[in-house]
Amino acid sequence: MTIAGNILVIAGAVLMVLAALGVVRLPDVMARLQAGTKAASLGLAFIFAGTAFLHPSLSSAVKLALAMLFVFVTAPVAGHVIGRAAYRAGVRLWPGTFVDDPPPGSSGGDEDPPGST
């Protein structure tokens, strides 16, 4: 059991380091949000799962599961709110980013799609 726990904790730590590198190295806000929410959440899940293996008690498992549930619920919401705030503030994206939505404040973003009436 300890080998599996150690492997999970190490894998989680590696994912957390990769998430941190992504936040530092990726070119724009939206890409950084992906690294900060997805990789960090998965890394934390691995660390929590490894900790559950290393401390095999029901109370530890319940506490870790509740903490993991909290992270999985709040991280995407926080990422969405940060991304929406950056979008509304007009933060510039990396020139290589594909955008299929008009910028804020332009006409065209609030109309109904053709054929919707």
PDB file of N, CA and C in Angstrom:
ATOM      1  N   MET A   1       0.809  -1.197   0.000  1.00  0.00           N
ATOM      2  CA  MET A   1       0.000   0.000   0.000  1.00  0.00           C
ATOM      3  C   MET A   1       0.850   1.257   0.000  1.00  0.00           C
ATOM      4  N   THR A   2       1.977   1.219   0.664  1.00  0.00           N
ATOM      5  CA  THR A   2       2.792   2.433   0.724  1.00  0.00           C
ATOM      6  C   THR A   2       3.438   2.749  -0.621  1.00  0.00           C
ATOM      7  N   ILE A   3       3.735   1.721  -1.409  1.00  0.00           N
ATOM      8  CA  ILE A   3       4.339   1.988  -2.721  1.00  0.00           C
ATOM      9  C   ILE A   3       3.330   2.700  -3.617  1.00  0.00           C
ATOM     10  N   ALA A   4       2.094   2.227  -3.621  1.00  0.00           N
ATOM     11  CA  ALA A   4       1.067   2.880  -4.437  1.00  0.00           C
ATOM     12  C   ALA A   4       0.832   4.306  -3.950  1.00  0.00           C
ATOM     13  N   GLY A   5       0.798   4.503  -2.651  1.00  0.00           N
ATOM     14  CA  GLY A   5       0.618   5.842  -2.097  1.00  0.00           C
ATOM     15  C   GLY A   5       1.755   6.770  -2.468  1.00  0.00           C
ATOM     16  N   ASN A   6       2.980   6.253  -2.380  1.00  0.00           N
ATOM     17  CA  ASN A   6       4.143   7.072  -2.740  1.00  0.00           C
ATOM     18  C   ASN A   6       4.130   7.441  -4.216  1.00  0.00           C
ATOM     19  N   ILE A   7       3.756   6.492  -5.064  1.00  0.00           N
ATOM     20  CA  ILE A   7       3.700   6.767  -6.503  1.00  0.00           C
ATOM     21  C   ILE A   7       2.645   7.828  -6.803  1.00  0.00           C
ATOM     22  N   LEU A   8       1.483   7.718  -6.150  1.00  0.00           N
ATOM     23  CA  LEU A   8       0.436   8.711  -6.376  1.00  0.00           C
ATOM     24  C   LEU A   8       0.848  10.100  -5.891  1.00  0.00           C
ATOM     25  N   VAL A   9       1.503  10.163  -4.742  1.00  0.00           N
ATOM     26  CA  VAL A   9       1.945  11.466  -4.230  1.00  0.00           C
ATOM     27  C   VAL A   9       3.002  12.072  -5.150  1.00  0.00           C
ATOM     28  N   ILE A  10       3.929  11.255  -5.624  1.00  0.00           N
ATOM     29  CA  ILE A  10       4.965  11.760  -6.539  1.00  0.00           C
ATOM     30  C   ILE A  10       4.343  12.213  -7.863  1.00  0.00           C
ATOM     31  N   ALA A  11       3.394  11.427  -8.391  1.00  0.00           N
ATOM     32  CA  ALA A  11       2.723  11.823  -9.633  1.00  0.00           C
ATOM     33  C   ALA A  11       1.968  13.133  -9.438  1.00  0.00           C
ATOM     34  N   GLY A  12       1.317  13.288  -8.298  1.00  0.00           N
ATOM     35  CA  GLY A  12       0.613  14.526  -8.010  1.00  0.00           C
ATOM     36  C   GLY A  12       1.554  15.702  -7.903  1.00  0.00           C
ATOM     37  N   ALA A  13       2.694  15.485  -7.268  1.00  0.00           N
ATOM     38  CA  ALA A  13       3.678  16.564  -7.139  1.00  0.00           C
ATOM     39  C   ALA A  13       4.229  16.965  -8.510  1.00  0.00           C
ATOM     40  N   VAL A  14       4.447  15.990  -9.376  1.00  0.00           N
ATOM     41  CA  VAL A  14       4.928  16.288 -10.726  1.00  0.00           C
ATOM     42  C   VAL A  14       3.883  17.107 -11.489  1.00  0.00           C
ATOM     43  N   LEU A  15       2.613  16.709 -11.370  1.00  0.00           N
ATOM     44  CA  LEU A  15       1.556  17.479 -12.037  1.00  0.00           C
ATOM     45  C   LEU A  15       1.446  18.890 -11.475  1.00  0.00           C
ATOM     46  N   MET A  16       1.632  19.052 -10.185  1.00  0.00           N
ATOM     47  CA  MET A  16       1.578  20.393  -9.592  1.00  0.00           C
ATOM     48  C   MET A  16       2.741  21.256 -10.097  1.00  0.00           C
ATOM     49  N   VAL A  17       3.911  20.657 -10.226  1.00  0.00           N
ATOM     50  CA  VAL A  17       5.060  21.403 -10.761  1.00  0.00           C
ATOM     51  C   VAL A  17       4.802  21.792 -12.216  1.00  0.00           C
ATOM     52  N   LEU A  18       4.233  20.863 -12.995  1.00  0.00           N
ATOM     53  CA  LEU A  18       3.903  21.187 -14.385  1.00  0.00           C
ATOM     54  C   LEU A  18       2.846  22.283 -14.463  1.00  0.00           C
ATOM     55  N   ALA A  19       1.880  22.255 -13.560  1.00  0.00           N
ATOM     56  CA  ALA A  19       0.871  23.318 -13.528  1.00  0.00           C
ATOM     57  C   ALA A  19       1.513  24.660 -13.199  1.00  0.00           C
ATOM     58  N   ALA A  20       2.429  24.664 -12.246  1.00  0.00           N
ATOM     59  CA  ALA A  20       3.115  25.909 -11.890  1.00  0.00           C
ATOM     60  C   ALA A  20       3.945  26.426 -13.064  1.00  0.00           C
ATOM     61  N   LEU A  21       4.631  25.533 -13.757  1.00  0.00           N
ATOM     62  CA  LEU A  21       5.389  25.942 -14.935  1.00  0.00           C
ATOM     63  C   LEU A  21       4.454  26.486 -16.019  1.00  0.00           C
ATOM     64  N   GLY A  22       3.293  25.864 -16.176  1.00  0.00           N
ATOM     65  CA  GLY A  22       2.327  26.351 -17.149  1.00  0.00           C
ATOM     66  C   GLY A  22       1.830  27.744 -16.819  1.00  0.00           C
ATOM     67  N   VAL A  23       1.585  27.999 -15.538  1.00  0.00           N
ATOM     68  CA  VAL A  23       1.122  29.325 -15.133  1.00  0.00           C
ATOM     69  C   VAL A  23       2.200  30.370 -15.411  1.00  0.00           C
ATOM     70  N   VAL A  24       3.434  29.993 -15.238  1.00  0.00           N
ATOM     71  CA  VAL A  24       4.533  30.944 -15.454  1.00  0.00           C
ATOM     72  C   VAL A  24       4.868  31.098 -16.937  1.00  0.00           C
ATOM     73  N   ARG A  25       4.834  30.006 -17.693  1.00  0.00           N
ATOM     74  CA  ARG A  25       5.363  30.021 -19.051  1.00  0.00           C
ATOM     75  C   ARG A  25       4.350  30.219 -20.171  1.00  0.00           C
ATOM     76  N   LEU A  26       3.086  29.912 -19.953  1.00  0.00           N
ATOM     77  CA  LEU A  26       2.115  30.010 -21.043  1.00  0.00           C
ATOM     78  C   LEU A  26       1.863  31.468 -21.414  1.00  0.00           C
ATOM     79  N   PRO A  27       1.466  31.720 -22.674  1.00  0.00           N
ATOM     80  CA  PRO A  27       1.503  33.084 -23.199  1.00  0.00           C
ATOM     81  C   PRO A  27       0.387  34.023 -22.763  1.00  0.00           C
ATOM     82  N   ASP A  28      -0.804  33.539 -22.456  1.00  0.00           N
ATOM     83  CA  ASP A  28      -1.881  34.476 -22.127  1.00  0.00           C
ATOM     84  C   ASP A  28      -2.737  33.964 -20.972  1.00  0.00           C
ATOM     85  N   VAL A  29      -3.678  34.794 -20.561  1.00  0.00           N
ATOM     86  CA  VAL A  29      -4.487  34.510 -19.373  1.00  0.00           C
ATOM     87  C   VAL A  29      -5.281  33.223 -19.528  1.00  0.00           C
ATOM     88  N   MET A  30      -5.899  33.029 -20.665  1.00  0.00           N
ATOM     89  CA  MET A  30      -6.750  31.858 -20.846  1.00  0.00           C
ATOM     90  C   MET A  30      -5.946  30.557 -20.798  1.00  0.00           C
ATOM     91  N   ALA A  31      -4.785  30.549 -21.398  1.00  0.00           N
ATOM     92  CA  ALA A  31      -3.939  29.358 -21.348  1.00  0.00           C
ATOM     93  C   ALA A  31      -3.428  29.109 -19.939  1.00  0.00           C
ATOM     94  N   ARG A  32      -3.108  30.162 -19.228  1.00  0.00           N
ATOM     95  CA  ARG A  32      -2.648  30.020 -17.849  1.00  0.00           C
ATOM     96  C   ARG A  32      -3.749  29.481 -16.952  1.00  0.00           C
ATOM     97  N   LEU A  33      -4.978  29.886 -17.217  1.00  0.00           N
ATOM     98  CA  LEU A  33      -6.095  29.363 -16.437  1.00  0.00           C
ATOM     99  C   LEU A  33      -6.246  27.856 -16.622  1.00  0.00           C
ATOM    100  N   GLN A  34      -6.021  27.373 -17.832  1.00  0.00           N
ATOM    101  CA  GLN A  34      -6.094  25.928 -18.069  1.00  0.00           C
ATOM    102  C   GLN A  34      -5.081  25.194 -17.202  1.00  0.00           C
ATOM    103  N   ALA A  35      -3.863  25.695 -17.180  1.00  0.00           N
ATOM    104  CA  ALA A  35      -2.829  25.045 -16.377  1.00  0.00           C
ATOM    105  C   ALA A  35      -3.155  25.135 -14.891  1.00  0.00           C
ATOM    106  N   GLY A  36      -3.640  26.277 -14.483  1.00  0.00           N
ATOM    107  CA  GLY A  36      -3.904  26.478 -13.066  1.00  0.00           C
ATOM    108  C   GLY A  36      -5.080  25.688 -12.538  1.00  0.00           C
ATOM    109  N   THR A  37      -6.070  25.421 -13.372  1.00  0.00           N
ATOM    110  CA  THR A  37      -7.240  24.703 -12.882  1.00  0.00           C
ATOM    111  C   THR A  37      -7.169  23.213 -13.162  1.00  0.00           C
ATOM    112  N   LYS A  38      -6.874  22.829 -14.358  1.00  0.00           N
ATOM    113  CA  LYS A  38      -6.948  21.416 -14.705  1.00  0.00           C
ATOM    114  C   LYS A  38      -5.780  20.600 -14.142  1.00  0.00           C
ATOM    115  N   ALA A  39      -4.564  21.003 -14.421  1.00  0.00           N
ATOM    116  CA  ALA A  39      -3.410  20.225 -13.962  1.00  0.00           C
ATOM    117  C   ALA A  39      -3.271  20.275 -12.450  1.00  0.00           C
ATOM    118  N   ALA A  40      -3.540  21.429 -11.870  1.00  0.00           N
ATOM    119  CA  ALA A  40      -3.427  21.538 -10.420  1.00  0.00           C
ATOM    120  C   ALA A  40      -4.505  20.713  -9.723  1.00  0.00           C
ATOM    121  N   SER A  41      -5.712  20.690 -10.269  1.00  0.00           N
ATOM    122  CA  SER A  41      -6.776  19.881  -9.664  1.00  0.00           C
ATOM    123  C   SER A  41      -6.453  18.396  -9.756  1.00  0.00           C
ATOM    124  N   LEU A  42      -5.971  17.962 -10.898  1.00  0.00           N
ATOM    125  CA  LEU A  42      -5.606  16.556 -11.039  1.00  0.00           C
ATOM    126  C   LEU A  42      -4.419  16.205 -10.149  1.00  0.00           C
ATOM    127  N   GLY A  43      -3.446  17.094 -10.061  1.00  0.00           N
ATOM    128  CA  GLY A  43      -2.306  16.857  -9.181  1.00  0.00           C
ATOM    129  C   GLY A  43      -2.720  16.762  -7.729  1.00  0.00           C
ATOM    130  N   LEU A  44      -3.612  17.619  -7.311  1.00  0.00           N
ATOM    131  CA  LEU A  44      -4.098  17.570  -5.936  1.00  0.00           C
ATOM    132  C   LEU A  44      -4.905  16.300  -5.689  1.00  0.00           C
ATOM    133  N   ALA A  45      -5.665  15.852  -6.675  1.00  0.00           N
ATOM    134  CA  ALA A  45      -6.409  14.598  -6.539  1.00  0.00           C
ATOM    135  C   ALA A  45      -5.451  13.424  -6.348  1.00  0.00           C
ATOM    136  N   PHE A  46      -4.361  13.405  -7.102  1.00  0.00           N
ATOM    137  CA  PHE A  46      -3.370  12.334  -6.929  1.00  0.00           C
ATOM    138  C   PHE A  46      -2.729  12.399  -5.553  1.00  0.00           C
ATOM    139  N   ILE A  47      -2.402  13.596  -5.102  1.00  0.00           N
ATOM    140  CA  ILE A  47      -1.794  13.732  -3.781  1.00  0.00           C
ATOM    141  C   ILE A  47      -2.766  13.280  -2.696  1.00  0.00           C
ATOM    142  N   PHE A  48      -4.032  13.661  -2.815  1.00  0.00           N
ATOM    143  CA  PHE A  48      -5.026  13.229  -1.830  1.00  0.00           C
ATOM    144  C   PHE A  48      -5.224  11.716  -1.868  1.00  0.00           C
ATOM    145  N   ALA A  49      -5.264  11.137  -3.067  1.00  0.00           N
ATOM    146  CA  ALA A  49      -5.419   9.688  -3.176  1.00  0.00           C
ATOM    147  C   ALA A  49      -4.213   8.961  -2.577  1.00  0.00           C
ATOM    148  N   GLY A  50      -3.016   9.471  -2.836  1.00  0.00           N
ATOM    149  CA  GLY A  50      -1.823   8.869  -2.244  1.00  0.00           C
ATOM    150  C   GLY A  50      -1.814   8.986  -0.732  1.00  0.00           C
ATOM    151  N   THR A  51      -2.281  10.113  -0.229  1.00  0.00           N
ATOM    152  CA  THR A  51      -2.361  10.295   1.222  1.00  0.00           C
ATOM    153  C   THR A  51      -3.379   9.338   1.823  1.00  0.00           C
ATOM    154  N   ALA A  52      -4.464   9.083   1.117  1.00  0.00           N
ATOM    155  CA  ALA A  52      -5.459   8.123   1.601  1.00  0.00           C
ATOM    156  C   ALA A  52      -4.863   6.718   1.678  1.00  0.00           C
ATOM    157  N   PHE A  53      -3.992   6.374   0.729  1.00  0.00           N
ATOM    158  CA  PHE A  53      -3.315   5.079   0.796  1.00  0.00           C
ATOM    159  C   PHE A  53      -2.309   5.032   1.941  1.00  0.00           C
ATOM    160  N   LEU A  54      -1.625   6.124   2.183  1.00  0.00           N
ATOM    161  CA  LEU A  54      -0.590   6.148   3.216  1.00  0.00           C
ATOM    162  C   LEU A  54      -1.170   6.215   4.628  1.00  0.00           C
ATOM    163  N   HIS A  55      -2.372   6.751   4.779  1.00  0.00           N
ATOM    164  CA  HIS A  55      -3.048   6.825   6.085  1.00  0.00           C
ATOM    165  C   HIS A  55      -4.406   6.155   5.955  1.00  0.00           C
ATOM    166  N   PRO A  56      -4.431   4.813   5.958  1.00  0.00           N
ATOM    167  CA  PRO A  56      -5.681   4.096   5.669  1.00  0.00           C
ATOM    168  C   PRO A  56      -6.647   4.060   6.860  1.00  0.00           C
ATOM    169  N   SER A  57      -7.364   5.139   7.049  1.00  0.00           N
ATOM    170  CA  SER A  57      -8.434   5.148   8.044  1.00  0.00           C
ATOM    171  C   SER A  57      -9.661   5.794   7.417  1.00  0.00           C
ATOM    172  N   LEU A  58     -10.808   5.432   7.926  1.00  0.00           N
ATOM    173  CA  LEU A  58     -12.042   5.946   7.354  1.00  0.00           C
ATOM    174  C   LEU A  58     -12.153   7.456   7.519  1.00  0.00           C
ATOM    175  N   SER A  59     -11.755   7.971   8.657  1.00  0.00           N
ATOM    176  CA  SER A  59     -11.865   9.415   8.876  1.00  0.00           C
ATOM    177  C   SER A  59     -10.946  10.200   7.933  1.00  0.00           C
ATOM    178  N   SER A  60      -9.747   9.679   7.715  1.00  0.00           N
ATOM    179  CA  SER A  60      -8.834  10.348   6.771  1.00  0.00           C
ATOM    180  C   SER A  60      -9.389  10.316   5.355  1.00  0.00           C
ATOM    181  N   ALA A  61      -9.929   9.169   4.957  1.00  0.00           N
ATOM    182  CA  ALA A  61     -10.463   9.036   3.602  1.00  0.00           C
ATOM    183  C   ALA A  61     -11.650   9.966   3.387  1.00  0.00           C
ATOM    184  N   VAL A  62     -12.520  10.084   4.394  1.00  0.00           N
ATOM    185  CA  VAL A  62     -13.677  10.964   4.262  1.00  0.00           C
ATOM    186  C   VAL A  62     -13.231  12.421   4.175  1.00  0.00           C
ATOM    187  N   LYS A  63     -12.292  12.816   5.010  1.00  0.00           N
ATOM    188  CA  LYS A  63     -11.803  14.196   4.982  1.00  0.00           C
ATOM    189  C   LYS A  63     -11.131  14.520   3.647  1.00  0.00           C
ATOM    190  N   LEU A  64     -10.331  13.595   3.151  1.00  0.00           N
ATOM    191  CA  LEU A  64      -9.657  13.818   1.874  1.00  0.00           C
ATOM    192  C   LEU A  64     -10.658  13.850   0.719  1.00  0.00           C
ATOM    193  N   ALA A  65     -11.665  12.989   0.768  1.00  0.00           N
ATOM    194  CA  ALA A  65     -12.679  12.987  -0.291  1.00  0.00           C
ATOM    195  C   ALA A  65     -13.471  14.289  -0.281  1.00  0.00           C
ATOM    196  N   LEU A  66     -13.808  14.790   0.898  1.00  0.00           N
ATOM    197  CA  LEU A  66     -14.524  16.064   0.975  1.00  0.00           C
ATOM    198  C   LEU A  66     -13.666  17.223   0.482  1.00  0.00           C
ATOM    199  N   ALA A  67     -12.378  17.204   0.829  1.00  0.00           N
ATOM    200  CA  ALA A  67     -11.476  18.253   0.347  1.00  0.00           C
ATOM    201  C   ALA A  67     -11.337  18.188  -1.174  1.00  0.00           C
ATOM    202  N   MET A  68     -11.255  16.972  -1.727  1.00  0.00           N
ATOM    203  CA  MET A  68     -11.132  16.811  -3.171  1.00  0.00           C
ATOM    204  C   MET A  68     -12.415  17.279  -3.866  1.00  0.00           C
ATOM    205  N   LEU A  69     -13.569  16.966  -3.288  1.00  0.00           N
ATOM    206  CA  LEU A  69     -14.833  17.428  -3.844  1.00  0.00           C
ATOM    207  C   LEU A  69     -14.895  18.953  -3.841  1.00  0.00           C
ATOM    208  N   PHE A  70     -14.455  19.558  -2.761  1.00  0.00           N
ATOM    209  CA  PHE A  70     -14.437  21.021  -2.665  1.00  0.00           C
ATOM    210  C   PHE A  70     -13.555  21.629  -3.759  1.00  0.00           C
ATOM    211  N   VAL A  71     -12.383  21.060  -3.967  1.00  0.00           N
ATOM    212  CA  VAL A  71     -11.478  21.571  -5.004  1.00  0.00           C
ATOM    213  C   VAL A  71     -12.092  21.391  -6.393  1.00  0.00           C
ATOM    214  N   PHE A  72     -12.697  20.234  -6.646  1.00  0.00           N
ATOM    215  CA  PHE A  72     -13.284  19.983  -7.963  1.00  0.00           C
ATOM    216  C   PHE A  72     -14.493  20.865  -8.239  1.00  0.00           C
ATOM    217  N   VAL A  73     -15.163  21.338  -7.206  1.00  0.00           N
ATOM    218  CA  VAL A  73     -16.302  22.231  -7.400  1.00  0.00           C
ATOM    219  C   VAL A  73     -15.842  23.680  -7.547  1.00  0.00           C
ATOM    220  N   THR A  74     -14.878  24.091  -6.740  1.00  0.00           N
ATOM    221  CA  THR A  74     -14.499  25.512  -6.725  1.00  0.00           C
ATOM    222  C   THR A  74     -13.477  25.902  -7.781  1.00  0.00           C
ATOM    223  N   ALA A  75     -12.574  25.035  -8.161  1.00  0.00           N
ATOM    224  CA  ALA A  75     -11.529  25.403  -9.125  1.00  0.00           C
ATOM    225  C   ALA A  75     -12.099  25.789 -10.492  1.00  0.00           C
ATOM    226  N   PRO A  76     -13.019  25.021 -11.072  1.00  0.00           N
ATOM    227  CA  PRO A  76     -13.570  25.456 -12.361  1.00  0.00           C
ATOM    228  C   PRO A  76     -14.368  26.758 -12.264  1.00  0.00           C
ATOM    229  N   VAL A  77     -15.074  26.932 -11.165  1.00  0.00           N
ATOM    230  CA  VAL A  77     -15.842  28.166 -10.990  1.00  0.00           C
ATOM    231  C   VAL A  77     -14.900  29.364 -10.892  1.00  0.00           C
ATOM    232  N   ALA A  78     -13.845  29.219 -10.103  1.00  0.00           N
ATOM    233  CA  ALA A  78     -12.874  30.304  -9.964  1.00  0.00           C
ATOM    234  C   ALA A  78     -12.189  30.593 -11.302  1.00  0.00           C
ATOM    235  N   GLY A  79     -11.831  29.548 -12.039  1.00  0.00           N
ATOM    236  CA  GLY A  79     -11.229  29.750 -13.354  1.00  0.00           C
ATOM    237  C   GLY A  79     -12.161  30.458 -14.312  1.00  0.00           C
ATOM    238  N   HIS A  80     -13.432  30.092 -14.271  1.00  0.00           N
ATOM    239  CA  HIS A  80     -14.412  30.750 -15.137  1.00  0.00           C
ATOM    240  C   HIS A  80     -14.565  32.224 -14.771  1.00  0.00           C
ATOM    241  N   VAL A  81     -14.630  32.521 -13.495  1.00  0.00           N
ATOM    242  CA  VAL A  81     -14.797  33.910 -13.060  1.00  0.00           C
ATOM    243  C   VAL A  81     -13.577  34.746 -13.445  1.00  0.00           C
ATOM    244  N   ILE A  82     -12.394  34.202 -13.261  1.00  0.00           N
ATOM    245  CA  ILE A  82     -11.176  34.928 -13.635  1.00  0.00           C
ATOM    246  C   ILE A  82     -11.122  35.135 -15.149  1.00  0.00           C
ATOM    247  N   GLY A  83     -11.446  34.102 -15.912  1.00  0.00           N
ATOM    248  CA  GLY A  83     -11.451  34.225 -17.365  1.00  0.00           C
ATOM    249  C   GLY A  83     -12.477  35.228 -17.859  1.00  0.00           C
ATOM    250  N   ARG A  84     -13.655  35.225 -17.249  1.00  0.00           N
ATOM    251  CA  ARG A  84     -14.687  36.187 -17.639  1.00  0.00           C
ATOM    252  C   ARG A  84     -14.272  37.613 -17.293  1.00  0.00           C
ATOM    253  N   ALA A  85     -13.647  37.794 -16.131  1.00  0.00           N
ATOM    254  CA  ALA A  85     -13.180  39.135 -15.747  1.00  0.00           C
ATOM    255  C   ALA A  85     -12.092  39.614 -16.706  1.00  0.00           C
ATOM    256  N   ALA A  86     -11.185  38.723 -17.084  1.00  0.00           N
ATOM    257  CA  ALA A  86     -10.132  39.108 -18.029  1.00  0.00           C
ATOM    258  C   ALA A  86     -10.732  39.448 -19.388  1.00  0.00           C
ATOM    259  N   TYR A  87     -11.707  38.668 -19.817  1.00  0.00           N
ATOM    260  CA  TYR A  87     -12.365  38.923 -21.104  1.00  0.00           C
ATOM    261  C   TYR A  87     -13.073  40.268 -21.095  1.00  0.00           C
ATOM    262  N   ARG A  88     -13.823  40.527 -20.042  1.00  0.00           N
ATOM    263  CA  ARG A  88     -14.562  41.794 -19.956  1.00  0.00           C
ATOM    264  C   ARG A  88     -13.641  42.991 -19.778  1.00  0.00           C
ATOM    265  N   ALA A  89     -12.485  42.788 -19.165  1.00  0.00           N
ATOM    266  CA  ALA A  89     -11.535  43.882 -18.998  1.00  0.00           C
ATOM    267  C   ALA A  89     -10.752  44.143 -20.278  1.00  0.00           C
ATOM    268  N   GLY A  90     -10.896  43.266 -21.262  1.00  0.00           N
ATOM    269  CA  GLY A  90     -10.213  43.475 -22.534  1.00  0.00           C
ATOM    270  C   GLY A  90      -8.747  43.085 -22.513  1.00  0.00           C
ATOM    271  N   VAL A  91      -8.391  42.130 -21.669  1.00  0.00           N
ATOM    272  CA  VAL A  91      -7.002  41.672 -21.611  1.00  0.00           C
ATOM    273  C   VAL A  91      -6.621  41.074 -22.958  1.00  0.00           C
ATOM    274  N   ARG A  92      -5.489  41.498 -23.464  1.00  0.00           N
ATOM    275  CA  ARG A  92      -5.039  41.019 -24.778  1.00  0.00           C
ATOM    276  C   ARG A  92      -4.631  39.555 -24.708  1.00  0.00           C
ATOM    277  N   LEU A  93      -4.998  38.849 -25.756  1.00  0.00           N
ATOM    278  CA  LEU A  93      -4.625  37.454 -25.872  1.00  0.00           C
ATOM    279  C   LEU A  93      -3.347  37.332 -26.689  1.00  0.00           C
ATOM    280  N   TRP A  94      -2.724  36.194 -26.607  1.00  0.00           N
ATOM    281  CA  TRP A  94      -1.558  35.880 -27.413  1.00  0.00           C
ATOM    282  C   TRP A  94      -1.973  35.933 -28.880  1.00  0.00           C
ATOM    283  N   PRO A  95      -1.133  36.494 -29.766  1.00  0.00           N
ATOM    284  CA  PRO A  95      -1.524  36.632 -31.181  1.00  0.00           C
ATOM    285  C   PRO A  95      -1.883  35.305 -31.862  1.00  0.00           C
ATOM    286  N   GLY A  96      -1.365  34.198 -31.374  1.00  0.00           N
ATOM    287  CA  GLY A  96      -1.678  32.901 -31.973  1.00  0.00           C
ATOM    288  C   GLY A  96      -2.953  32.270 -31.452  1.00  0.00           C
ATOM    289  N   THR A  97      -3.661  32.948 -30.579  1.00  0.00           N
ATOM    290  CA  THR A  97      -4.898  32.409 -30.025  1.00  0.00           C
ATOM    291  C   THR A  97      -6.032  32.571 -31.023  1.00  0.00           C
ATOM    292  N   PHE A  98      -6.767  31.487 -31.270  1.00  0.00           N
ATOM    293  CA  PHE A  98      -7.928  31.534 -32.161  1.00  0.00           C
ATOM    294  C   PHE A  98      -9.114  32.063 -31.380  1.00  0.00           C
ATOM    295  N   VAL A  99      -9.755  33.103 -31.907  1.00  0.00           N
ATOM    296  CA  VAL A  99     -10.912  33.707 -31.258  1.00  0.00           C
ATOM    297  C   VAL A  99     -12.071  33.664 -32.238  1.00  0.00           C
ATOM    298  N   ASP A 100     -13.203  33.115 -31.805  1.00  0.00           N
ATOM    299  CA  ASP A 100     -14.368  33.075 -32.675  1.00  0.00           C
ATOM    300  C   ASP A 100     -15.515  33.928 -32.134  1.00  0.00           C
ATOM    301  N   ASP A 101     -15.203  34.848 -31.236  1.00  0.00           N
ATOM    302  CA  ASP A 101     -16.200  35.710 -30.624  1.00  0.00           C
ATOM    303  C   ASP A 101     -15.749  37.156 -30.801  1.00  0.00           C
ATOM    304  N   PRO A 102     -16.668  38.083 -31.070  1.00  0.00           N
ATOM    305  CA  PRO A 102     -16.255  39.480 -31.212  1.00  0.00           C
ATOM    306  C   PRO A 102     -15.754  40.049 -29.886  1.00  0.00           C
ATOM    307  N   PRO A 103     -14.872  41.029 -29.933  1.00  0.00           N
ATOM    308  CA  PRO A 103     -14.356  41.609 -28.688  1.00  0.00           C
ATOM    309  C   PRO A 103     -15.450  42.334 -27.918  1.00  0.00           C
ATOM    310  N   PRO A 104     -15.254  42.520 -26.598  1.00  0.00           N
ATOM    311  CA  PRO A 104     -16.285  43.201 -25.817  1.00  0.00           C
ATOM    312  C   PRO A 104     -16.514  44.621 -26.315  1.00  0.00           C
ATOM    313  N   GLY A 105     -17.767  45.023 -26.293  1.00  0.00           N
ATOM    314  CA  GLY A 105     -18.100  46.382 -26.704  1.00  0.00           C
ATOM    315  C   GLY A 105     -18.408  46.534 -28.177  1.00  0.00           C
ATOM    316  N   SER A 106     -18.138  45.502 -28.991  1.00  0.00           N
ATOM    317  CA  SER A 106     -18.438  45.617 -30.418  1.00  0.00           C
ATOM    318  C   SER A 106     -19.877  45.174 -30.659  1.00  0.00           C
ATOM    319  N   SER A 107     -20.443  45.661 -31.736  1.00  0.00           N
ATOM    320  CA  SER A 107     -21.798  45.214 -32.056  1.00  0.00           C
ATOM    321  C   SER A 107     -21.700  43.833 -32.679  1.00  0.00           C
ATOM    322  N   GLY A 108     -22.612  42.995 -32.305  1.00  0.00           N
ATOM    323  CA  GLY A 108     -22.601  41.650 -32.868  1.00  0.00           C
ATOM    324  C   GLY A 108     -22.583  40.582 -31.801  1.00  0.00           C
ATOM    325  N   GLY A 109     -22.206  40.911 -30.577  1.00  0.00           N
ATOM    326  CA  GLY A 109     -22.155  39.894 -29.534  1.00  0.00           C
ATOM    327  C   GLY A 109     -23.467  39.664 -28.843  1.00  0.00           C
ATOM    328  N   ASP A 110     -24.414  40.619 -28.940  1.00  0.00           N
ATOM    329  CA  ASP A 110     -25.652  40.512 -28.199  1.00  0.00           C
ATOM    330  C   ASP A 110     -26.857  40.157 -29.058  1.00  0.00           C
ATOM    331  N   GLU A 111     -26.686  40.010 -30.364  1.00  0.00           N
ATOM    332  CA  GLU A 111     -27.827  39.712 -31.218  1.00  0.00           C
ATOM    333  C   GLU A 111     -28.174  38.234 -31.121  1.00  0.00           C
ATOM    334  N   ASP A 112     -29.424  37.959 -31.467  1.00  0.00           N
ATOM    335  CA  ASP A 112     -29.854  36.557 -31.533  1.00  0.00           C
ATOM    336  C   ASP A 112     -29.258  35.917 -32.772  1.00  0.00           C
ATOM    337  N   PRO A 113     -28.954  34.603 -32.681  1.00  0.00           N
ATOM    338  CA  PRO A 113     -28.430  33.932 -33.864  1.00  0.00           C
ATOM    339  C   PRO A 113     -29.489  33.872 -34.967  1.00  0.00           C
ATOM    340  N   PRO A 114     -29.066  33.797 -36.224  1.00  0.00           N
ATOM    341  CA  PRO A 114     -30.026  33.748 -37.340  1.00  0.00           C
ATOM    342  C   PRO A 114     -30.945  32.545 -37.182  1.00  0.00           C
ATOM    343  N   GLY A 115     -32.214  32.761 -37.447  1.00  0.00           N
ATOM    344  CA  GLY A 115     -33.179  31.675 -37.399  1.00  0.00           C
ATOM    345  C   GLY A 115     -33.690  31.342 -36.010  1.00  0.00           C
ATOM    346  N   SER A 116     -33.360  32.149 -34.998  1.00  0.00           N
ATOM    347  CA  SER A 116     -33.779  31.833 -33.641  1.00  0.00           C
ATOM    348  C   SER A 116     -35.174  32.364 -33.329  1.00  0.00           C
ATOM    349  N   THR A 117     -35.742  33.185 -34.210  1.00  0.00           N
ATOM    350  CA  THR A 117     -37.083  33.731 -33.952  1.00  0.00           C
ATOM    351  C   THR A 117     -38.145  33.038 -34.729  1.00  0.00           C
TER     352      THR A 117
END
